[in-house]
Amino acid sequence: MKIAIWGDELAAWVAAAELARTGNEVLLQQLQPEDSSLRAEPGLMESISQGLATGAIRQVNRQLACSAEIHWLAMHPSHLSDARALCTEIGHRGPDELIIINQSNFGLGASDQLQGCLQGRGQQTVVCLPDTLQQGQALQQFSQPTAFLIGCEHPEMQPRLQALLRPFSNGLQQLQWMTRREAEFSKFAISGMLALRLNYINELANLADRLGVDIEVVRHGMATDKRIGEHYLAPGCGFGGTHFTQYIEGLADILSETRHSTLLKTVLEENERQKELPFRKLWQHYQCDLQGKTVTIWGCAFKPGVASVDNAPALPVVRALQAQGVNIQLHDPEAIEALKQAIPDCKSLSFYSDRYAALENSDALLIMTEWPEYASPDCSRMKALMQAPLIVDGRNLLEPEFVQHQGFVYYGVGRPASQC
């Protein structure tokens, strides 16, 4: 099939790579993402390069792209007006029978708006396929999905969509057909549920801090109930990322406008406060005086496996430390360049390619991202390098008793503070 890809979001580039790999002719407007964090997505640029080398991916002009039989939209949420104009153009220039697959997060009802731009000519259909990709795992999740939620209101188009998606259906557990609006709302609902779950376990962790209870023991106890399970029950210093946050904000706005509910707005506000938790623990430890201290941060990315710092908990912590006159030494295996762009004022920041070098003469270590390489550090080496043996673990990555035995003061999230 001839497929035109529109947009510069992660979903657009992953779709281009995977659809080309499975034998389709893919048409692009540009040859690489503008966002450097997308270029760092594992395997993505290699897959795009392979598609270009074989001719399965081609760069073409807009007029030729509009003539494709299938169009894949994964555009920035702020570009809905551009998408409407594009669909109008595709409707005029494209064949009488075409499919536009919308993976953009434009909000509830946007896919219906795009359908309206086609003006009912022939069998021209807009389909909603919610974007469920996660940075760091996007290629695998696209090629091996466990479920498809497809908003399609023209049953005659279903066989064609199934043929397009069949190469990715080997491990499929669920395929659900629904209206476009139901597909959009399903994605909002999933994101909202996950946010509520994350916020709840963080609330419990903060309460556990006050009660002297170990939240790690409690959450494992919660997970024994099959109605709850273990997923998304890891307390920490808040969630980040662009798409996840956008969906939650979108649903929060819908709830506020239609039901006057502030439930998810409260979740978002609490999450912002949670991001500053490591700073507050450090502030309290040093009795509200951090001026001139040196603090090491391990992890800037909003989650492991990505090079993005979008809405990352590290950002407000870095800014809070800067405001207190702290010298900050940072390490992250992927996201340092993104952090430099996010925080232009780097006077008090030093960047390290070696995590241990970042600890030299440090008065504290803050762990902000659960990168695997941080999970089992050489504590003797750390203690020898640091000015003060203090760890604030924003991801509960380390075992408090072990760290205490090594001579460190340790603060986690909902874990009993341990100090020698």
Protein backbone atom coordinates (compact mmCIF):
# COMPACT_ATOMS: atom_id res chain seq x y z
CA MET A 1 0.00 0.00 0.00
CA LYS A 2 1.09 3.60 -0.60
CA ILE A 3 1.05 5.43 2.74
CA ALA A 4 1.77 9.11 3.37
CA ILE A 5 2.99 10.03 6.85
CA TRP A 6 2.12 13.46 8.22
CA GLY A 7 3.56 15.00 11.38
CA ASP A 8 6.76 15.00 13.39
CA GLU A 9 5.63 13.15 16.52
CA LEU A 10 7.21 9.88 17.64
CA ALA A 11 4.20 7.93 16.36
CA ALA A 12 4.73 9.31 12.85
CA TRP A 13 8.34 8.18 12.62
CA VAL A 14 7.70 4.78 14.17
CA ALA A 15 4.80 4.20 11.78
CA ALA A 16 7.03 5.15 8.84
CA ALA A 17 9.75 2.72 9.91
CA GLU A 18 7.46 -0.22 10.67
CA LEU A 19 5.09 0.19 7.73
CA ALA A 20 8.07 0.34 5.38
CA ARG A 21 9.55 -2.77 6.98
CA THR A 22 6.36 -4.71 6.28
CA GLY A 23 6.35 -4.00 2.54
CA ASN A 24 4.47 -0.74 2.15
CA GLU A 25 5.57 2.28 0.11
CA VAL A 26 5.99 5.09 2.64
CA LEU A 27 6.01 8.76 1.63
CA LEU A 28 7.65 11.35 3.90
CA GLN A 29 7.98 15.14 3.77
CA GLN A 30 11.30 15.17 5.66
CA LEU A 31 13.97 12.58 6.37
CA GLN A 32 14.58 12.85 10.11
CA PRO A 33 12.82 14.19 13.22
CA GLU A 34 13.49 17.74 14.35
CA ASP A 35 13.37 16.63 18.00
CA SER A 36 16.75 15.24 19.08
CA SER A 37 15.10 13.06 21.75
CA LEU A 38 13.17 11.25 18.99
CA ARG A 39 16.38 10.68 17.06
CA ALA A 40 17.66 8.96 20.21
CA GLU A 41 14.72 6.50 20.26
CA PRO A 42 16.30 3.01 20.29
CA GLY A 43 16.51 1.59 16.77
CA LEU A 44 14.39 4.29 15.14
CA MET A 45 16.90 6.09 12.96
CA GLU A 46 18.50 2.79 11.92
CA SER A 47 15.08 1.57 10.76
CA ILE A 48 14.40 4.81 8.88
CA SER A 49 17.82 4.60 7.22
CA GLN A 50 17.17 1.02 6.18
CA GLY A 51 13.84 2.01 4.65
CA LEU A 52 15.49 4.82 2.71
CA ALA A 53 18.25 2.50 1.49
CA THR A 54 15.77 -0.04 0.14
CA GLY A 55 13.50 2.60 -1.37
CA ALA A 56 10.58 1.61 0.85
CA ILE A 57 10.69 5.15 2.29
CA ARG A 58 10.80 8.10 -0.09
CA GLN A 59 10.84 11.85 0.41
CA VAL A 60 8.21 13.44 -1.83
CA ASN A 61 6.48 16.77 -2.28
CA ARG A 62 3.13 17.56 -0.70
CA GLN A 63 1.13 17.14 -3.92
CA LEU A 64 2.41 13.62 -4.51
CA ALA A 65 1.88 12.68 -0.86
CA CYS A 66 -1.75 13.81 -1.06
CA SER A 67 -2.39 11.26 -3.81
CA ALA A 68 -1.71 8.29 -1.49
CA GLU A 69 -4.48 5.81 -0.66
CA ILE A 70 -3.70 5.79 3.07
CA HIS A 71 -2.64 8.76 5.22
CA TRP A 72 -1.18 8.46 8.71
CA LEU A 73 -1.52 11.58 10.88
CA ALA A 74 0.63 11.92 13.99
CA MET A 75 0.82 15.67 14.40
CA HIS A 76 1.50 17.93 17.38
CA PRO A 77 -1.58 18.58 19.55
CA SER A 78 -1.45 22.29 18.70
CA HIS A 79 -1.68 21.64 14.94
CA LEU A 80 -5.37 20.76 14.64
CA SER A 81 -6.03 23.65 12.24
CA ASP A 82 -3.18 22.40 10.03
CA ALA A 83 -4.67 18.91 10.13
CA ARG A 84 -8.08 20.22 9.08
CA ALA A 85 -6.53 22.08 6.15
CA LEU A 86 -4.54 18.97 5.22
CA CYS A 87 -7.61 16.73 5.26
CA THR A 88 -9.48 19.20 3.06
CA GLU A 89 -6.58 19.13 0.60
CA ILE A 90 -6.34 15.33 0.70
CA GLY A 91 -10.08 15.10 0.09
CA HIS A 92 -9.75 17.18 -3.07
CA ARG A 93 -6.51 15.71 -4.43
CA GLY A 94 -6.69 12.13 -3.22
CA PRO A 95 -8.52 9.15 -4.71
CA ASP A 96 -12.24 8.63 -4.10
CA GLU A 97 -11.44 5.72 -1.77
CA LEU A 98 -8.91 6.55 0.92
CA ILE A 99 -8.31 6.18 4.65
CA ILE A 100 -6.88 8.80 6.99
CA ILE A 101 -5.61 7.24 10.22
CA ASN A 102 -5.50 9.83 12.98
CA GLN A 103 -3.02 9.14 15.80
CA SER A 104 -2.74 12.76 16.90
CA ASN A 105 -3.76 13.93 20.36
CA PHE A 106 -6.04 16.74 19.20
CA GLY A 107 -8.71 16.17 21.82
CA LEU A 108 -12.13 14.62 22.01
CA GLY A 109 -14.13 14.96 18.78
CA ALA A 110 -11.17 15.96 16.61
CA SER A 111 -11.38 12.89 14.36
CA ASP A 112 -15.02 13.72 13.61
CA GLN A 113 -13.92 17.24 12.68
CA LEU A 114 -11.34 15.81 10.27
CA GLN A 115 -14.01 13.57 8.74
CA GLY A 116 -16.10 16.68 8.14
CA CYS A 117 -13.26 18.20 6.13
CA LEU A 118 -13.58 15.41 3.54
CA GLN A 119 -17.06 16.69 2.60
CA GLY A 120 -18.50 13.22 1.96
CA ARG A 121 -16.73 12.59 -1.32
CA GLY A 122 -16.60 8.88 -2.29
CA GLN A 123 -15.40 6.44 0.37
CA GLN A 124 -13.03 8.78 2.14
CA THR A 125 -12.82 7.83 5.79
CA VAL A 126 -11.09 9.13 8.91
CA VAL A 127 -10.18 6.44 11.43
CA CYS A 128 -8.97 7.04 14.99
CA LEU A 129 -6.14 4.78 16.19
CA PRO A 130 -5.10 6.11 19.63
CA ASP A 131 -1.37 6.56 20.14
CA THR A 132 -0.28 4.08 22.84
CA LEU A 133 3.47 4.21 22.17
CA GLN A 134 5.92 4.88 24.99
CA GLN A 135 9.27 6.51 24.38
CA GLY A 136 12.12 4.06 24.72
CA GLN A 137 9.98 1.10 23.62
CA ALA A 138 8.12 2.54 20.65
CA LEU A 139 9.32 0.24 17.85
CA GLN A 140 8.61 -2.91 19.84
CA GLN A 141 5.20 -1.67 20.97
CA PHE A 142 4.19 -0.80 17.41
CA SER A 143 5.36 -4.10 15.94
CA GLN A 144 4.09 -6.30 18.79
CA PRO A 145 0.93 -4.71 20.21
CA THR A 146 -1.35 -6.58 22.59
CA ALA A 147 -4.46 -4.60 21.64
CA PHE A 148 -5.91 -2.35 18.94
CA LEU A 149 -8.68 0.13 19.73
CA ILE A 150 -9.90 1.38 16.35
CA GLY A 151 -12.45 4.11 15.87
CA CYS A 152 -14.01 3.37 12.48
CA GLU A 153 -17.59 4.16 11.51
CA HIS A 154 -17.48 2.65 8.02
CA PRO A 155 -17.53 -1.19 8.29
CA GLU A 156 -16.62 -1.56 4.62
CA MET A 157 -13.17 -0.14 5.44
CA GLN A 158 -12.44 -2.66 8.19
CA PRO A 159 -10.97 -5.38 5.90
CA ARG A 160 -8.49 -2.90 4.47
CA LEU A 161 -7.42 -1.74 7.91
CA GLN A 162 -7.05 -5.33 9.07
CA ALA A 163 -4.84 -6.07 6.06
CA LEU A 164 -2.66 -3.06 6.89
CA LEU A 165 -2.30 -4.04 10.55
CA ARG A 166 -2.09 -7.84 10.07
CA PRO A 167 1.76 -7.94 10.14
CA PHE A 168 1.58 -6.53 13.67
CA SER A 169 -1.16 -8.82 14.95
CA ASN A 170 0.70 -12.00 15.94
CA GLY A 171 0.55 -11.28 19.67
CA LEU A 172 -2.75 -9.44 19.56
CA GLN A 173 -5.03 -10.19 22.50
CA GLN A 174 -7.80 -7.71 21.76
CA LEU A 175 -9.17 -5.96 18.68
CA GLN A 176 -12.03 -3.60 19.41
CA TRP A 177 -14.00 -1.64 16.83
CA MET A 178 -15.78 1.46 18.09
CA THR A 179 -16.72 4.96 17.04
CA ARG A 180 -14.01 7.58 16.56
CA ARG A 181 -15.19 9.47 19.62
CA GLU A 182 -15.19 6.32 21.75
CA ALA A 183 -11.63 5.51 20.67
CA GLU A 184 -10.46 9.00 21.59
CA PHE A 185 -12.25 8.85 24.93
CA SER A 186 -10.81 5.39 25.66
CA LYS A 187 -7.29 6.79 25.41
CA PHE A 188 -8.15 9.69 27.71
CA ALA A 189 -9.76 7.26 30.18
CA ILE A 190 -6.72 4.96 30.22
CA SER A 191 -4.34 7.86 30.87
CA GLY A 192 -6.58 9.24 33.61
CA MET A 193 -6.80 5.88 35.37
CA LEU A 194 -3.01 5.46 35.34
CA ALA A 195 -2.54 8.98 36.68
CA LEU A 196 -5.00 8.33 39.51
CA ARG A 197 -3.20 5.12 40.39
CA LEU A 198 0.22 6.79 40.44
CA ASN A 199 -1.09 9.68 42.49
CA TYR A 200 -2.74 7.32 44.97
CA ILE A 201 0.41 5.29 45.64
CA ASN A 202 2.37 8.53 46.08
CA GLU A 203 -0.23 9.78 48.57
CA LEU A 204 0.11 6.51 50.48
CA ALA A 205 3.91 6.82 50.39
CA ASN A 206 3.79 10.33 51.82
CA LEU A 207 1.46 9.09 54.56
CA ALA A 208 3.78 6.14 55.23
CA ASP A 209 6.60 8.65 55.79
CA ARG A 210 4.62 10.17 58.66
CA LEU A 211 3.48 6.84 60.11
CA GLY A 212 6.89 5.15 60.02
CA VAL A 213 5.58 2.46 57.65
CA ASP A 214 7.57 1.04 54.72
CA ILE A 215 5.51 1.64 51.58
CA GLU A 216 7.43 -1.05 49.69
CA VAL A 217 6.04 -3.68 52.04
CA VAL A 218 2.56 -2.17 51.79
CA ARG A 219 2.50 -2.01 47.99
CA HIS A 220 3.53 -5.65 47.71
CA GLY A 221 0.70 -6.44 50.08
CA MET A 222 -1.70 -4.46 47.89
CA ALA A 223 -0.52 -6.32 44.79
CA THR A 224 -1.57 -9.66 46.25
CA ASP A 225 -5.18 -8.60 45.65
CA LYS A 226 -5.91 -9.59 42.05
CA ARG A 227 -8.29 -6.67 41.69
CA ILE A 228 -5.32 -4.33 42.16
CA GLY A 229 -2.22 -6.10 40.87
CA GLU A 230 1.31 -4.72 40.85
CA HIS A 231 1.42 -2.44 37.80
CA TYR A 232 1.78 1.31 38.29
CA LEU A 233 2.16 0.91 42.05
CA ALA A 234 5.71 2.25 42.34
CA PRO A 235 5.88 5.41 44.46
CA GLY A 236 8.36 8.08 43.50
CA CYS A 237 8.97 11.73 42.78
CA GLY A 238 6.21 12.16 40.22
CA PHE A 239 5.56 11.33 36.58
CA GLY A 240 6.55 13.29 33.49
CA GLY A 241 6.60 12.99 29.73
CA THR A 242 4.73 14.97 27.10
CA HIS A 243 1.95 12.75 25.76
CA PHE A 244 0.89 11.21 29.05
CA THR A 245 0.61 14.62 30.68
CA GLN A 246 -1.24 16.07 27.68
CA TYR A 247 -3.88 13.36 27.78
CA ILE A 248 -4.41 13.85 31.52
CA GLU A 249 -4.67 17.62 31.06
CA GLY A 250 -7.13 17.08 28.22
CA LEU A 251 -9.37 14.82 30.29
CA ALA A 252 -9.07 17.18 33.26
CA ASP A 253 -10.38 20.01 31.07
CA ILE A 254 -13.28 17.86 29.84
CA LEU A 255 -14.21 16.90 33.41
CA SER A 256 -13.98 20.49 34.55
CA GLU A 257 -16.12 21.82 31.70
CA THR A 258 -18.83 19.15 31.66
CA ARG A 259 -19.08 17.99 35.28
CA HIS A 260 -17.30 20.76 37.21
CA SER A 261 -14.99 18.04 38.53
CA THR A 262 -11.50 18.96 39.71
CA LEU A 263 -10.39 15.36 40.31
CA LEU A 264 -7.67 15.17 37.65
CA LYS A 265 -6.63 18.80 38.06
CA THR A 266 -5.91 17.91 41.68
CA VAL A 267 -3.89 14.89 40.51
CA LEU A 268 -1.81 17.14 38.25
CA GLU A 269 -1.25 19.67 41.03
CA GLU A 270 -0.25 16.95 43.49
CA ASN A 271 2.11 15.47 40.91
CA GLU A 272 3.89 18.82 40.55
CA ARG A 273 4.33 18.96 44.32
CA GLN A 274 5.59 15.38 44.34
CA LYS A 275 8.34 16.31 41.89
CA GLU A 276 9.84 18.63 44.50
CA LEU A 277 9.85 15.96 47.24
CA PRO A 278 13.60 15.13 46.91
CA PHE A 279 14.44 18.81 47.24
CA ARG A 280 12.25 19.16 50.34
CA LYS A 281 13.91 16.16 51.99
CA LEU A 282 17.33 17.63 51.23
CA TRP A 283 16.23 21.06 52.48
CA GLN A 284 15.02 19.60 55.76
CA HIS A 285 18.16 17.52 56.26
CA TYR A 286 20.38 20.58 55.95
CA GLN A 287 18.03 22.66 58.14
CA CYS A 288 16.99 25.04 55.36
CA ASP A 289 20.55 26.09 54.46
CA LEU A 290 21.87 24.83 51.12
CA GLN A 291 23.88 27.89 50.10
CA GLY A 292 27.25 26.82 48.67
CA LYS A 293 26.49 23.09 48.89
CA THR A 294 27.37 20.71 46.07
CA VAL A 295 24.61 18.30 45.08
CA THR A 296 24.79 15.44 42.59
CA ILE A 297 21.79 14.41 40.53
CA TRP A 298 21.64 11.00 38.91
CA GLY A 299 19.00 10.98 36.21
CA CYS A 300 17.42 13.86 34.27
CA ALA A 301 15.16 11.98 31.82
CA PHE A 302 11.48 11.71 32.75
CA LYS A 303 11.88 7.92 32.70
CA PRO A 304 14.63 5.39 31.91
CA GLY A 305 15.25 4.51 28.28
CA VAL A 306 14.56 7.97 26.84
CA ALA A 307 16.57 11.09 26.05
CA SER A 308 13.72 13.48 26.84
CA VAL A 309 13.30 15.70 29.90
CA ASP A 310 9.75 16.80 29.03
CA ASN A 311 7.98 17.52 32.33
CA ALA A 312 10.71 15.54 34.11
CA PRO A 313 10.86 15.77 37.93
CA ALA A 314 14.52 16.74 37.63
CA LEU A 315 13.61 20.12 36.13
CA PRO A 316 11.89 21.73 39.15
CA VAL A 317 14.49 20.20 41.46
CA VAL A 318 17.35 21.71 39.45
CA ARG A 319 15.64 25.11 39.44
CA ALA A 320 14.99 24.94 43.20
CA LEU A 321 18.62 24.06 43.86
CA GLN A 322 19.79 26.90 41.62
CA ALA A 323 17.63 29.33 43.57
CA GLN A 324 19.40 28.24 46.78
CA GLY A 325 22.89 28.81 45.40
CA VAL A 326 23.75 25.12 45.07
CA ASN A 327 26.45 23.78 42.77
CA ILE A 328 24.85 20.95 40.81
CA GLN A 329 26.70 17.99 39.29
CA LEU A 330 24.59 15.97 36.86
CA HIS A 331 24.77 12.59 35.19
CA ASP A 332 22.32 10.94 32.81
CA PRO A 333 23.22 8.34 30.17
CA GLU A 334 20.93 9.90 27.52
CA ALA A 335 19.28 13.18 28.47
CA ILE A 336 22.06 15.68 29.24
CA GLU A 337 21.71 17.53 25.93
CA ALA A 338 17.96 17.81 26.40
CA LEU A 339 18.50 19.19 29.90
CA LYS A 340 20.90 21.84 28.59
CA GLN A 341 18.17 23.00 26.21
CA ALA A 342 15.50 22.98 28.92
CA ILE A 343 17.61 24.98 31.41
CA PRO A 344 19.56 27.64 29.47
CA ASP A 345 21.12 29.07 32.65
CA CYS A 346 23.81 26.45 33.22
CA LYS A 347 26.22 28.55 35.29
CA SER A 348 25.79 26.44 38.41
CA LEU A 349 25.56 23.13 36.52
CA SER A 350 28.35 20.69 35.72
CA PHE A 351 27.74 17.73 33.43
CA TYR A 352 29.46 14.36 33.68
CA SER A 353 29.65 11.32 31.43
CA ASP A 354 30.69 9.13 34.39
CA ARG A 355 28.23 8.76 37.26
CA TYR A 356 30.95 8.34 39.88
CA ALA A 357 32.89 11.42 38.71
CA ALA A 358 29.70 13.41 39.30
CA LEU A 359 29.89 12.48 43.01
CA GLU A 360 33.23 14.13 43.76
CA ASN A 361 33.03 16.45 46.81
CA SER A 362 29.24 16.20 46.80
CA ASP A 363 27.15 16.95 49.89
CA ALA A 364 24.27 14.77 48.67
CA LEU A 365 23.15 12.46 45.88
CA LEU A 366 19.62 12.79 44.48
CA ILE A 367 18.36 9.87 42.35
CA MET A 368 15.68 11.22 40.01
CA THR A 369 15.43 8.58 37.26
CA GLU A 370 15.51 4.80 37.76
CA TRP A 371 18.18 4.02 35.16
CA PRO A 372 19.34 0.40 35.64
CA GLU A 373 22.97 1.46 36.06
CA TYR A 374 22.03 3.33 39.24
CA ALA A 375 20.43 0.31 40.91
CA SER A 376 23.54 -1.40 42.25
CA PRO A 377 26.30 1.18 42.75
CA ASP A 378 29.66 0.71 44.43
CA CYS A 379 28.86 2.26 47.80
CA SER A 380 32.45 2.20 49.05
CA ARG A 381 33.58 4.13 46.00
CA MET A 382 30.68 6.55 46.38
CA LYS A 383 31.44 7.25 50.03
CA ALA A 384 35.11 7.87 49.29
CA LEU A 385 34.20 10.46 46.65
CA MET A 386 31.46 12.33 48.50
CA GLN A 387 31.89 15.13 51.02
CA ALA A 388 28.87 13.85 52.98
CA PRO A 389 27.37 10.33 52.69
CA LEU A 390 23.78 11.38 52.00
CA ILE A 391 21.38 9.81 49.47
CA VAL A 392 17.89 11.08 48.62
CA ASP A 393 16.35 8.32 46.52
CA GLY A 394 13.42 9.73 44.57
CA ARG A 395 12.71 6.36 42.92
CA ASN A 396 13.20 3.91 45.82
CA LEU A 397 15.87 2.29 43.72
CA LEU A 398 18.22 1.33 46.56
CA GLU A 399 17.70 -0.89 49.59
CA PRO A 400 17.72 1.28 52.75
CA GLU A 401 19.19 -1.33 55.09
CA PHE A 402 22.10 -2.04 52.75
CA VAL A 403 22.80 1.65 52.22
CA GLN A 404 22.70 2.22 55.98
CA HIS A 405 25.14 -0.62 56.53
CA GLN A 406 27.50 1.11 54.08
CA GLY A 407 27.45 4.24 56.23
CA PHE A 408 25.02 6.46 54.31
CA VAL A 409 22.15 8.63 55.47
CA TYR A 410 19.23 7.54 53.29
CA TYR A 411 15.86 9.09 52.48
CA GLY A 412 13.42 7.35 50.15
CA VAL A 413 9.77 7.91 49.23
CA GLY A 414 7.61 6.36 51.92
CA ARG A 415 10.53 4.39 53.33
CA PRO A 416 11.87 4.73 56.87
CA ALA A 417 14.80 7.16 56.90
CA SER A 418 17.97 5.26 57.78
CA GLN A 419 21.14 6.85 59.02
CA CYS A 420 24.30 5.71 60.69
